[in-house]
Amino acid sequence: MSVTRAPLPGRRVRGSATGRPVMALLDLLGRRWALRILWELREGAGLNFRQLQERSSNVSPTVLNRRLAELREAGMVEHSLDGGYRLTGEGVTLVARIGPLCQWAEDWARRLKA
């Protein structure tokens, strides 16, 4: 069994041998299902593994476990005592910063249709 290593600032990541913070973040968010997991946890209520899997289009348990481990190592997600997963303060801040990007994408889509 391999040890999961999240892309973190200061570590070699895709696109950066030095692990520049922005490159580490883009590597983390670019992994399959990572953004979806963060998005599903954005409301604040903890979700258990099964709920998170269902809300994430039935992502495989193996991939979901791996992404959760990476997001936990990166300090974005935590496993609560009640067995659910939720965003940490860092995760909440990140999702709030993604909001304007979502709005930009909606505007972009409308401009492309025009």
PDB file of N, CA and C in Angstrom:
ATOM      1  N   MET A   1       0.846  -1.184   0.000  1.00  0.00           N
ATOM      2  CA  MET A   1       0.000   0.000   0.000  1.00  0.00           C
ATOM      3  C   MET A   1       0.888   1.243   0.000  1.00  0.00           C
ATOM      4  N   SER A   2       0.619   2.173  -0.914  1.00  0.00           N
ATOM      5  CA  SER A   2       1.445   3.371  -0.994  1.00  0.00           C
ATOM      6  C   SER A   2       0.940   4.433  -0.021  1.00  0.00           C
ATOM      7  N   VAL A   3       1.860   5.264   0.426  1.00  0.00           N
ATOM      8  CA  VAL A   3       1.527   6.356   1.319  1.00  0.00           C
ATOM      9  C   VAL A   3       1.088   7.538   0.473  1.00  0.00           C
ATOM     10  N   THR A   4      -0.026   8.130   0.820  1.00  0.00           N
ATOM     11  CA  THR A   4      -0.520   9.289   0.097  1.00  0.00           C
ATOM     12  C   THR A   4       0.288  10.504   0.517  1.00  0.00           C
ATOM     13  N   ARG A   5       0.734  11.254  -0.457  1.00  0.00           N
ATOM     14  CA  ARG A   5       1.442  12.503  -0.189  1.00  0.00           C
ATOM     15  C   ARG A   5       0.735  13.602  -0.961  1.00  0.00           C
ATOM     16  N   ALA A   6       0.172  14.503  -0.219  1.00  0.00           N
ATOM     17  CA  ALA A   6      -0.508  15.628  -0.848  1.00  0.00           C
ATOM     18  C   ALA A   6       0.519  16.597  -1.406  1.00  0.00           C
ATOM     19  N   PRO A   7       0.189  17.260  -2.509  1.00  0.00           N
ATOM     20  CA  PRO A   7       1.066  18.328  -2.972  1.00  0.00           C
ATOM     21  C   PRO A   7       0.989  19.482  -1.973  1.00  0.00           C
ATOM     22  N   LEU A   8       2.120  19.852  -1.433  1.00  0.00           N
ATOM     23  CA  LEU A   8       2.191  20.929  -0.446  1.00  0.00           C
ATOM     24  C   LEU A   8       3.293  21.903  -0.828  1.00  0.00           C
ATOM     25  N   PRO A   9       3.148  23.165  -0.402  1.00  0.00           N
ATOM     26  CA  PRO A   9       4.219  24.125  -0.675  1.00  0.00           C
ATOM     27  C   PRO A   9       5.556  23.589  -0.159  1.00  0.00           C
ATOM     28  N   GLY A  10       6.583  23.781  -0.970  1.00  0.00           N
ATOM     29  CA  GLY A  10       7.910  23.333  -0.592  1.00  0.00           C
ATOM     30  C   GLY A  10       8.254  21.929  -1.058  1.00  0.00           C
ATOM     31  N   ARG A  11       7.260  21.174  -1.495  1.00  0.00           N
ATOM     32  CA  ARG A  11       7.497  19.845  -2.049  1.00  0.00           C
ATOM     33  C   ARG A  11       7.487  19.928  -3.565  1.00  0.00           C
ATOM     34  N   ARG A  12       8.222  19.053  -4.193  1.00  0.00           N
ATOM     35  CA  ARG A  12       8.187  18.957  -5.655  1.00  0.00           C
ATOM     36  C   ARG A  12       6.758  18.562  -6.060  1.00  0.00           C
ATOM     37  N   VAL A  13       6.165  19.317  -6.982  1.00  0.00           N
ATOM     38  CA  VAL A  13       4.804  19.059  -7.451  1.00  0.00           C
ATOM     39  C   VAL A  13       4.788  19.158  -8.967  1.00  0.00           C
ATOM     40  N   ARG A  14       3.672  18.753  -9.573  1.00  0.00           N
ATOM     41  CA  ARG A  14       3.555  18.888 -11.027  1.00  0.00           C
ATOM     42  C   ARG A  14       3.745  20.352 -11.407  1.00  0.00           C
ATOM     43  N   GLY A  15       4.683  20.600 -12.295  1.00  0.00           N
ATOM     44  CA  GLY A  15       4.907  21.950 -12.787  1.00  0.00           C
ATOM     45  C   GLY A  15       5.891  22.778 -11.980  1.00  0.00           C
ATOM     46  N   SER A  16       6.391  22.256 -10.862  1.00  0.00           N
ATOM     47  CA  SER A  16       7.315  23.042 -10.046  1.00  0.00           C
ATOM     48  C   SER A  16       8.229  22.135  -9.238  1.00  0.00           C
ATOM     49  N   ALA A  17       9.493  22.198  -9.538  1.00  0.00           N
ATOM     50  CA  ALA A  17      10.467  21.400  -8.785  1.00  0.00           C
ATOM     51  C   ALA A  17      10.648  21.933  -7.372  1.00  0.00           C
ATOM     52  N   THR A  18      10.346  23.217  -7.180  1.00  0.00           N
ATOM     53  CA  THR A  18      10.544  23.825  -5.870  1.00  0.00           C
ATOM     54  C   THR A  18       9.285  23.828  -5.007  1.00  0.00           C
ATOM     55  N   GLY A  19       8.152  23.468  -5.580  1.00  0.00           N
ATOM     56  CA  GLY A  19       6.914  23.446  -4.811  1.00  0.00           C
ATOM     57  C   GLY A  19       6.393  24.826  -4.462  1.00  0.00           C
ATOM     58  N   ARG A  20       6.451  25.725  -5.439  1.00  0.00           N
ATOM     59  CA  ARG A  20       5.884  27.061  -5.203  1.00  0.00           C
ATOM     60  C   ARG A  20       4.454  26.905  -4.715  1.00  0.00           C
ATOM     61  N   PRO A  21       4.027  27.723  -3.755  1.00  0.00           N
ATOM     62  CA  PRO A  21       2.693  27.558  -3.169  1.00  0.00           C
ATOM     63  C   PRO A  21       1.552  27.493  -4.180  1.00  0.00           C
ATOM     64  N   VAL A  22       1.548  28.380  -5.178  1.00  0.00           N
ATOM     65  CA  VAL A  22       0.453  28.356  -6.148  1.00  0.00           C
ATOM     66  C   VAL A  22       0.478  27.073  -6.968  1.00  0.00           C
ATOM     67  N   MET A  23       1.672  26.580  -7.285  1.00  0.00           N
ATOM     68  CA  MET A  23       1.769  25.344  -8.054  1.00  0.00           C
ATOM     69  C   MET A  23       1.318  24.147  -7.225  1.00  0.00           C
ATOM     70  N   ALA A  24       1.643  24.153  -5.945  1.00  0.00           N
ATOM     71  CA  ALA A  24       1.180  23.080  -5.064  1.00  0.00           C
ATOM     72  C   ALA A  24      -0.348  23.089  -4.976  1.00  0.00           C
ATOM     73  N   LEU A  25      -0.935  24.278  -4.860  1.00  0.00           N
ATOM     74  CA  LEU A  25      -2.392  24.378  -4.803  1.00  0.00           C
ATOM     75  C   LEU A  25      -3.029  23.907  -6.098  1.00  0.00           C
ATOM     76  N   LEU A  26      -2.493  24.329  -7.235  1.00  0.00           N
ATOM     77  CA  LEU A  26      -3.055  23.903  -8.514  1.00  0.00           C
ATOM     78  C   LEU A  26      -2.916  22.396  -8.707  1.00  0.00           C
ATOM     79  N   ASP A  27      -1.812  21.824  -8.246  1.00  0.00           N
ATOM     80  CA  ASP A  27      -1.648  20.372  -8.319  1.00  0.00           C
ATOM     81  C   ASP A  27      -2.700  19.684  -7.460  1.00  0.00           C
ATOM     82  N   LEU A  28      -2.886  20.164  -6.247  1.00  0.00           N
ATOM     83  CA  LEU A  28      -3.883  19.571  -5.345  1.00  0.00           C
ATOM     84  C   LEU A  28      -5.286  19.668  -5.943  1.00  0.00           C
ATOM     85  N   LEU A  29      -5.662  20.851  -6.385  1.00  0.00           N
ATOM     86  CA  LEU A  29      -7.015  21.054  -6.913  1.00  0.00           C
ATOM     87  C   LEU A  29      -7.220  20.389  -8.263  1.00  0.00           C
ATOM     88  N   GLY A  30      -6.125  20.126  -8.984  1.00  0.00           N
ATOM     89  CA  GLY A  30      -6.224  19.487 -10.281  1.00  0.00           C
ATOM     90  C   GLY A  30      -6.375  17.971 -10.214  1.00  0.00           C
ATOM     91  N   ARG A  31      -6.265  17.409  -9.046  1.00  0.00           N
ATOM     92  CA  ARG A  31      -6.427  15.958  -8.919  1.00  0.00           C
ATOM     93  C   ARG A  31      -7.907  15.601  -9.021  1.00  0.00           C
ATOM     94  N   ARG A  32      -8.174  14.475  -9.688  1.00  0.00           N
ATOM     95  CA  ARG A  32      -9.568  14.065  -9.905  1.00  0.00           C
ATOM     96  C   ARG A  32     -10.346  14.062  -8.602  1.00  0.00           C
ATOM     97  N   TRP A  33     -11.491  14.690  -8.617  1.00  0.00           N
ATOM     98  CA  TRP A  33     -12.465  14.732  -7.542  1.00  0.00           C
ATOM     99  C   TRP A  33     -12.112  15.670  -6.393  1.00  0.00           C
ATOM    100  N   ALA A  34     -10.921  16.246  -6.351  1.00  0.00           N
ATOM    101  CA  ALA A  34     -10.558  17.103  -5.223  1.00  0.00           C
ATOM    102  C   ALA A  34     -11.482  18.322  -5.127  1.00  0.00           C
ATOM    103  N   LEU A  35     -11.662  19.024  -6.230  1.00  0.00           N
ATOM    104  CA  LEU A  35     -12.545  20.196  -6.206  1.00  0.00           C
ATOM    105  C   LEU A  35     -13.983  19.806  -5.883  1.00  0.00           C
ATOM    106  N   ARG A  36     -14.426  18.695  -6.423  1.00  0.00           N
ATOM    107  CA  ARG A  36     -15.803  18.256  -6.169  1.00  0.00           C
ATOM    108  C   ARG A  36     -16.005  17.975  -4.690  1.00  0.00           C
ATOM    109  N   ILE A  37     -15.037  17.340  -4.054  1.00  0.00           N
ATOM    110  CA  ILE A  37     -15.139  17.045  -2.625  1.00  0.00           C
ATOM    111  C   ILE A  37     -15.221  18.351  -1.834  1.00  0.00           C
ATOM    112  N   LEU A  38     -14.340  19.285  -2.136  1.00  0.00           N
ATOM    113  CA  LEU A  38     -14.389  20.579  -1.445  1.00  0.00           C
ATOM    114  C   LEU A  38     -15.728  21.265  -1.667  1.00  0.00           C
ATOM    115  N   TRP A  39     -16.221  21.212  -2.896  1.00  0.00           N
ATOM    116  CA  TRP A  39     -17.496  21.857  -3.228  1.00  0.00           C
ATOM    117  C   TRP A  39     -18.651  21.221  -2.457  1.00  0.00           C
ATOM    118  N   GLU A  40     -18.654  19.918  -2.355  1.00  0.00           N
ATOM    119  CA  GLU A  40     -19.738  19.230  -1.640  1.00  0.00           C
ATOM    120  C   GLU A  40     -19.707  19.507  -0.139  1.00  0.00           C
ATOM    121  N   LEU A  41     -18.551  19.843   0.379  1.00  0.00           N
ATOM    122  CA  LEU A  41     -18.427  20.135   1.811  1.00  0.00           C
ATOM    123  C   LEU A  41     -18.624  21.617   2.133  1.00  0.00           C
ATOM    124  N   ARG A  42     -18.873  22.434   1.129  1.00  0.00           N
ATOM    125  CA  ARG A  42     -18.916  23.884   1.302  1.00  0.00           C
ATOM    126  C   ARG A  42     -20.022  24.384   2.219  1.00  0.00           C
ATOM    127  N   GLU A  43     -21.106  23.636   2.360  1.00  0.00           N
ATOM    128  CA  GLU A  43     -22.232  24.095   3.168  1.00  0.00           C
ATOM    129  C   GLU A  43     -21.948  24.055   4.659  1.00  0.00           C
ATOM    130  N   GLY A  44     -20.913  23.355   5.067  1.00  0.00           N
ATOM    131  CA  GLY A  44     -20.527  23.360   6.469  1.00  0.00           C
ATOM    132  C   GLY A  44     -20.962  22.153   7.274  1.00  0.00           C
ATOM    133  N   ALA A  45     -22.062  21.528   6.877  1.00  0.00           N
ATOM    134  CA  ALA A  45     -22.513  20.336   7.596  1.00  0.00           C
ATOM    135  C   ALA A  45     -21.601  19.173   7.223  1.00  0.00           C
ATOM    136  N   GLY A  46     -21.167  18.413   8.205  1.00  0.00           N
ATOM    137  CA  GLY A  46     -20.314  17.276   7.918  1.00  0.00           C
ATOM    138  C   GLY A  46     -21.052  16.205   7.120  1.00  0.00           C
ATOM    139  N   LEU A  47     -20.337  15.559   6.249  1.00  0.00           N
ATOM    140  CA  LEU A  47     -20.887  14.456   5.469  1.00  0.00           C
ATOM    141  C   LEU A  47     -20.079  13.213   5.780  1.00  0.00           C
ATOM    142  N   ASN A  48     -20.779  12.088   5.954  1.00  0.00           N
ATOM    143  CA  ASN A  48     -20.027  10.853   6.149  1.00  0.00           C
ATOM    144  C   ASN A  48     -19.520  10.366   4.788  1.00  0.00           C
ATOM    145  N   PHE A  49     -18.706   9.335   4.812  1.00  0.00           N
ATOM    146  CA  PHE A  49     -18.061   8.849   3.594  1.00  0.00           C
ATOM    147  C   PHE A  49     -19.085   8.508   2.523  1.00  0.00           C
ATOM    148  N   ARG A  50     -20.108   7.776   2.901  1.00  0.00           N
ATOM    149  CA  ARG A  50     -21.120   7.348   1.926  1.00  0.00           C
ATOM    150  C   ARG A  50     -21.863   8.538   1.321  1.00  0.00           C
ATOM    151  N   GLN A  51     -22.238   9.507   2.163  1.00  0.00           N
ATOM    152  CA  GLN A  51     -22.920  10.704   1.659  1.00  0.00           C
ATOM    153  C   GLN A  51     -22.033  11.465   0.683  1.00  0.00           C
ATOM    154  N   LEU A  52     -20.777  11.585   1.043  1.00  0.00           N
ATOM    155  CA  LEU A  52     -19.841  12.289   0.176  1.00  0.00           C
ATOM    156  C   LEU A  52     -19.646  11.544  -1.140  1.00  0.00           C
ATOM    157  N   GLN A  53     -19.605  10.232  -1.070  1.00  0.00           N
ATOM    158  CA  GLN A  53     -19.472   9.427  -2.282  1.00  0.00           C
ATOM    159  C   GLN A  53     -20.692   9.610  -3.182  1.00  0.00           C
ATOM    160  N   GLU A  54     -21.888   9.578  -2.616  1.00  0.00           N
ATOM    161  CA  GLU A  54     -23.111   9.746  -3.399  1.00  0.00           C
ATOM    162  C   GLU A  54     -23.186  11.137  -4.028  1.00  0.00           C
ATOM    163  N   ARG A  55     -22.814  12.157  -3.275  1.00  0.00           N
ATOM    164  CA  ARG A  55     -22.867  13.523  -3.792  1.00  0.00           C
ATOM    165  C   ARG A  55     -21.777  13.786  -4.824  1.00  0.00           C
ATOM    166  N   SER A  56     -20.791  12.937  -4.869  1.00  0.00           N
ATOM    167  CA  SER A  56     -19.683  13.084  -5.817  1.00  0.00           C
ATOM    168  C   SER A  56     -19.818  12.094  -6.963  1.00  0.00           C
ATOM    169  N   SER A  57     -21.039  11.883  -7.414  1.00  0.00           N
ATOM    170  CA  SER A  57     -21.324  11.021  -8.566  1.00  0.00           C
ATOM    171  C   SER A  57     -20.761   9.615  -8.403  1.00  0.00           C
ATOM    172  N   ASN A  58     -20.847   9.115  -7.187  1.00  0.00           N
ATOM    173  CA  ASN A  58     -20.399   7.755  -6.879  1.00  0.00           C
ATOM    174  C   ASN A  58     -18.944   7.499  -7.272  1.00  0.00           C
ATOM    175  N   VAL A  59     -18.087   8.445  -6.918  1.00  0.00           N
ATOM    176  CA  VAL A  59     -16.649   8.259  -7.105  1.00  0.00           C
ATOM    177  C   VAL A  59     -16.255   6.952  -6.416  1.00  0.00           C
ATOM    178  N   SER A  60     -15.264   6.264  -6.944  1.00  0.00           N
ATOM    179  CA  SER A  60     -14.876   4.985  -6.352  1.00  0.00           C
ATOM    180  C   SER A  60     -14.365   5.196  -4.923  1.00  0.00           C
ATOM    181  N   PRO A  61     -14.593   4.231  -4.047  1.00  0.00           N
ATOM    182  CA  PRO A  61     -14.118   4.362  -2.662  1.00  0.00           C
ATOM    183  C   PRO A  61     -12.606   4.561  -2.579  1.00  0.00           C
ATOM    184  N   THR A  62     -11.871   3.906  -3.459  1.00  0.00           N
ATOM    185  CA  THR A  62     -10.410   4.034  -3.438  1.00  0.00           C
ATOM    186  C   THR A  62      -9.978   5.465  -3.733  1.00  0.00           C
ATOM    187  N   VAL A  63     -10.552   6.042  -4.778  1.00  0.00           N
ATOM    188  CA  VAL A  63     -10.197   7.415  -5.152  1.00  0.00           C
ATOM    189  C   VAL A  63     -10.672   8.390  -4.081  1.00  0.00           C
ATOM    190  N   LEU A  64     -11.865   8.210  -3.565  1.00  0.00           N
ATOM    191  CA  LEU A  64     -12.377   9.102  -2.530  1.00  0.00           C
ATOM    192  C   LEU A  64     -11.486   9.043  -1.288  1.00  0.00           C
ATOM    193  N   ASN A  65     -11.101   7.858  -0.875  1.00  0.00           N
ATOM    194  CA  ASN A  65     -10.193   7.726   0.277  1.00  0.00           C
ATOM    195  C   ASN A  65      -8.879   8.451   0.024  1.00  0.00           C
ATOM    196  N   ARG A  66      -8.333   8.273  -1.164  1.00  0.00           N
ATOM    197  CA  ARG A  66      -7.056   8.915  -1.495  1.00  0.00           C
ATOM    198  C   ARG A  66      -7.186  10.435  -1.480  1.00  0.00           C
ATOM    199  N   ARG A  67      -8.231  10.960  -2.126  1.00  0.00           N
ATOM    200  CA  ARG A  67      -8.411  12.415  -2.146  1.00  0.00           C
ATOM    201  C   ARG A  67      -8.647  12.964  -0.753  1.00  0.00           C
ATOM    202  N   LEU A  68      -9.460  12.280   0.047  1.00  0.00           N
ATOM    203  CA  LEU A  68      -9.699  12.751   1.413  1.00  0.00           C
ATOM    204  C   LEU A  68      -8.402  12.769   2.212  1.00  0.00           C
ATOM    205  N   ALA A  69      -7.571  11.749   2.043  1.00  0.00           N
ATOM    206  CA  ALA A  69      -6.287  11.712   2.743  1.00  0.00           C
ATOM    207  C   ALA A  69      -5.411  12.890   2.314  1.00  0.00           C
ATOM    208  N   GLU A  70      -5.384  13.179   1.025  1.00  0.00           N
ATOM    209  CA  GLU A  70      -4.577  14.297   0.529  1.00  0.00           C
ATOM    210  C   GLU A  70      -5.120  15.631   1.038  1.00  0.00           C
ATOM    211  N   LEU A  71      -6.428  15.789   0.981  1.00  0.00           N
ATOM    212  CA  LEU A  71      -7.033  17.037   1.453  1.00  0.00           C
ATOM    213  C   LEU A  71      -6.861  17.209   2.960  1.00  0.00           C
ATOM    214  N   ARG A  72      -6.869  16.113   3.686  1.00  0.00           N
ATOM    215  CA  ARG A  72      -6.611  16.181   5.131  1.00  0.00           C
ATOM    216  C   ARG A  72      -5.163  16.559   5.381  1.00  0.00           C
ATOM    217  N   GLU A  73      -4.237  15.929   4.671  1.00  0.00           N
ATOM    218  CA  GLU A  73      -2.815  16.248   4.838  1.00  0.00           C
ATOM    219  C   GLU A  73      -2.534  17.710   4.487  1.00  0.00           C
ATOM    220  N   ALA A  74      -3.246  18.227   3.499  1.00  0.00           N
ATOM    221  CA  ALA A  74      -3.078  19.615   3.084  1.00  0.00           C
ATOM    222  C   ALA A  74      -3.778  20.590   4.020  1.00  0.00           C
ATOM    223  N   GLY A  75      -4.519  20.080   4.992  1.00  0.00           N
ATOM    224  CA  GLY A  75      -5.181  20.941   5.962  1.00  0.00           C
ATOM    225  C   GLY A  75      -6.473  21.557   5.487  1.00  0.00           C
ATOM    226  N   MET A  76      -7.092  20.998   4.441  1.00  0.00           N
ATOM    227  CA  MET A  76      -8.335  21.543   3.887  1.00  0.00           C
ATOM    228  C   MET A  76      -9.584  20.865   4.440  1.00  0.00           C
ATOM    229  N   VAL A  77      -9.446  19.607   4.812  1.00  0.00           N
ATOM    230  CA  VAL A  77     -10.578  18.795   5.269  1.00  0.00           C
ATOM    231  C   VAL A  77     -10.176  18.115   6.567  1.00  0.00           C
ATOM    232  N   GLU A  78     -11.161  17.935   7.438  1.00  0.00           N
ATOM    233  CA  GLU A  78     -10.913  17.192   8.671  1.00  0.00           C
ATOM    234  C   GLU A  78     -11.985  16.131   8.856  1.00  0.00           C
ATOM    235  N   HIS A  79     -11.633  15.115   9.602  1.00  0.00           N
ATOM    236  CA  HIS A  79     -12.555  14.037   9.940  1.00  0.00           C
ATOM    237  C   HIS A  79     -13.019  14.317  11.354  1.00  0.00           C
ATOM    238  N   SER A  80     -14.321  14.536  11.519  1.00  0.00           N
ATOM    239  CA  SER A  80     -14.841  14.920  12.829  1.00  0.00           C
ATOM    240  C   SER A  80     -15.104  13.704  13.706  1.00  0.00           C
ATOM    241  N   LEU A  81     -15.315  13.950  14.963  1.00  0.00           N
ATOM    242  CA  LEU A  81     -15.559  12.877  15.921  1.00  0.00           C
ATOM    243  C   LEU A  81     -16.843  12.103  15.616  1.00  0.00           C
ATOM    244  N   ASP A  82     -17.799  12.752  14.957  1.00  0.00           N
ATOM    245  CA  ASP A  82     -19.052  12.064  14.622  1.00  0.00           C
ATOM    246  C   ASP A  82     -18.937  11.219  13.353  1.00  0.00           C
ATOM    247  N   GLY A  83     -17.734  11.125  12.792  1.00  0.00           N
ATOM    248  CA  GLY A  83     -17.523  10.268  11.629  1.00  0.00           C
ATOM    249  C   GLY A  83     -17.704  10.954  10.299  1.00  0.00           C
ATOM    250  N   GLY A  84     -17.981  12.243  10.320  1.00  0.00           N
ATOM    251  CA  GLY A  84     -18.164  12.968   9.076  1.00  0.00           C
ATOM    252  C   GLY A  84     -16.924  13.733   8.673  1.00  0.00           C
ATOM    253  N   TYR A  85     -16.965  14.252   7.475  1.00  0.00           N
ATOM    254  CA  TYR A  85     -15.886  15.087   6.960  1.00  0.00           C
ATOM    255  C   TYR A  85     -16.422  16.494   6.806  1.00  0.00           C
ATOM    256  N   ARG A  86     -15.564  17.463   7.069  1.00  0.00           N
ATOM    257  CA  ARG A  86     -15.946  18.862   6.888  1.00  0.00           C
ATOM    258  C   ARG A  86     -14.698  19.671   6.569  1.00  0.00           C
ATOM    259  N   LEU A  87     -14.946  20.876   6.052  1.00  0.00           N
ATOM    260  CA  LEU A  87     -13.840  21.765   5.731  1.00  0.00           C
ATOM    261  C   LEU A  87     -13.225  22.310   7.005  1.00  0.00           C
ATOM    262  N   THR A  88     -11.921  22.495   6.989  1.00  0.00           N
ATOM    263  CA  THR A  88     -11.233  23.202   8.059  1.00  0.00           C
ATOM    264  C   THR A  88     -11.357  24.694   7.781  1.00  0.00           C
ATOM    265  N   GLY A  89     -10.805  25.512   8.630  1.00  0.00           N
ATOM    266  CA  GLY A  89     -10.778  26.949   8.372  1.00  0.00           C
ATOM    267  C   GLY A  89     -10.086  27.265   7.055  1.00  0.00           C
ATOM    268  N   GLU A  90      -8.974  26.559   6.781  1.00  0.00           N
ATOM    269  CA  GLU A  90      -8.278  26.751   5.502  1.00  0.00           C
ATOM    270  C   GLU A  90      -9.174  26.366   4.333  1.00  0.00           C
ATOM    271  N   GLY A  91      -9.897  25.272   4.469  1.00  0.00           N
ATOM    272  CA  GLY A  91     -10.791  24.821   3.414  1.00  0.00           C
ATOM    273  C   GLY A  91     -11.916  25.812   3.161  1.00  0.00           C
ATOM    274  N   VAL A  92     -12.476  26.354   4.235  1.00  0.00           N
ATOM    275  CA  VAL A  92     -13.544  27.355   4.109  1.00  0.00           C
ATOM    276  C   VAL A  92     -13.018  28.580   3.363  1.00  0.00           C
ATOM    277  N   THR A  93     -11.824  29.029   3.737  1.00  0.00           N
ATOM    278  CA  THR A  93     -11.221  30.189   3.083  1.00  0.00           C
ATOM    279  C   THR A  93     -10.986  29.917   1.601  1.00  0.00           C
ATOM    280  N   LEU A  94     -10.470  28.743   1.297  1.00  0.00           N
ATOM    281  CA  LEU A  94     -10.218  28.392  -0.101  1.00  0.00           C
ATOM    282  C   LEU A  94     -11.511  28.381  -0.909  1.00  0.00           C
ATOM    283  N   VAL A  95     -12.549  27.724  -0.401  1.00  0.00           N
ATOM    284  CA  VAL A  95     -13.812  27.644  -1.139  1.00  0.00           C
ATOM    285  C   VAL A  95     -14.408  29.039  -1.323  1.00  0.00           C
ATOM    286  N   ALA A  96     -14.267  29.908  -0.331  1.00  0.00           N
ATOM    287  CA  ALA A  96     -14.758  31.279  -0.473  1.00  0.00           C
ATOM    288  C   ALA A  96     -14.005  32.011  -1.585  1.00  0.00           C
ATOM    289  N   ARG A  97     -12.730  31.722  -1.727  1.00  0.00           N
ATOM    290  CA  ARG A  97     -11.933  32.364  -2.773  1.00  0.00           C
ATOM    291  C   ARG A  97     -12.221  31.788  -4.142  1.00  0.00           C
ATOM    292  N   ILE A  98     -12.731  30.571  -4.195  1.00  0.00           N
ATOM    293  CA  ILE A  98     -13.096  29.950  -5.474  1.00  0.00           C
ATOM    294  C   ILE A  98     -14.411  30.536  -5.992  1.00  0.00           C
ATOM    295  N   GLY A  99     -15.251  31.043  -5.094  1.00  0.00           N
ATOM    296  CA  GLY A  99     -16.549  31.604  -5.477  1.00  0.00           C
ATOM    297  C   GLY A  99     -16.480  32.601  -6.618  1.00  0.00           C
ATOM    298  N   PRO A 100     -15.624  33.618  -6.545  1.00  0.00           N
ATOM    299  CA  PRO A 100     -15.529  34.567  -7.664  1.00  0.00           C
ATOM    300  C   PRO A 100     -15.085  33.900  -8.967  1.00  0.00           C
ATOM    301  N   LEU A 101     -14.270  32.880  -8.873  1.00  0.00           N
ATOM    302  CA  LEU A 101     -13.858  32.152 -10.070  1.00  0.00           C
ATOM    303  C   LEU A 101     -15.061  31.448 -10.697  1.00  0.00           C
ATOM    304  N   CYS A 102     -15.944  30.915  -9.867  1.00  0.00           N
ATOM    305  CA  CYS A 102     -17.169  30.282 -10.379  1.00  0.00           C
ATOM    306  C   CYS A 102     -18.037  31.314 -11.103  1.00  0.00           C
ATOM    307  N   GLN A 103     -18.155  32.503 -10.514  1.00  0.00           N
ATOM    308  CA  GLN A 103     -18.939  33.559 -11.152  1.00  0.00           C
ATOM    309  C   GLN A 103     -18.321  33.962 -12.483  1.00  0.00           C
ATOM    310  N   TRP A 104     -16.995  34.086 -12.514  1.00  0.00           N
ATOM    311  CA  TRP A 104     -16.321  34.415 -13.753  1.00  0.00           C
ATOM    312  C   TRP A 104     -16.608  33.359 -14.813  1.00  0.00           C
ATOM    313  N   ALA A 105     -16.566  32.091 -14.433  1.00  0.00           N
ATOM    314  CA  ALA A 105     -16.815  30.999 -15.375  1.00  0.00           C
ATOM    315  C   ALA A 105     -18.236  31.063 -15.930  1.00  0.00           C
ATOM    316  N   GLU A 106     -19.209  31.392 -15.075  1.00  0.00           N
ATOM    317  CA  GLU A 106     -20.594  31.543 -15.551  1.00  0.00           C
ATOM    318  C   GLU A 106     -20.692  32.690 -16.563  1.00  0.00           C
ATOM    319  N   ASP A 107     -20.054  33.799 -16.239  1.00  0.00           N
ATOM    320  CA  ASP A 107     -20.060  34.944 -17.159  1.00  0.00           C
ATOM    321  C   ASP A 107     -19.378  34.592 -18.476  1.00  0.00           C
ATOM    322  N   TRP A 108     -18.285  33.896 -18.394  1.00  0.00           N
ATOM    323  CA  TRP A 108     -17.549  33.461 -19.574  1.00  0.00           C
ATOM    324  C   TRP A 108     -18.416  32.573 -20.464  1.00  0.00           C
ATOM    325  N   ALA A 109     -19.127  31.635 -19.835  1.00  0.00           N
ATOM    326  CA  ALA A 109     -20.000  30.735 -20.594  1.00  0.00           C
ATOM    327  C   ALA A 109     -21.082  31.536 -21.326  1.00  0.00           C
ATOM    328  N   ARG A 110     -21.653  32.536 -20.645  1.00  0.00           N
ATOM    329  CA  ARG A 110     -22.672  33.369 -21.292  1.00  0.00           C
ATOM    330  C   ARG A 110     -22.078  34.154 -22.470  1.00  0.00           C
ATOM    331  N   ARG A 111     -20.872  34.676 -22.273  1.00  0.00           N
ATOM    332  CA  ARG A 111     -20.239  35.433 -23.371  1.00  0.00           C
ATOM    333  C   ARG A 111     -19.952  34.541 -24.566  1.00  0.00           C
ATOM    334  N   LEU A 112     -19.593  33.309 -24.337  1.00  0.00           N
ATOM    335  CA  LEU A 112     -19.326  32.391 -25.433  1.00  0.00           C
ATOM    336  C   LEU A 112     -20.584  32.062 -26.220  1.00  0.00           C
ATOM    337  N   LYS A 113     -21.716  32.039 -25.549  1.00  0.00           N
ATOM    338  CA  LYS A 113     -22.982  31.738 -26.220  1.00  0.00           C
ATOM    339  C   LYS A 113     -23.479  32.922 -27.051  1.00  0.00           C
ATOM    340  N   ALA A 114     -23.059  34.128 -26.661  1.00  0.00           N
ATOM    341  CA  ALA A 114     -23.556  35.346 -27.319  1.00  0.00           C
ATOM    342  C   ALA A 114     -22.986  35.505 -28.715  1.00  0.00           C
TER     343      ALA A 114
END
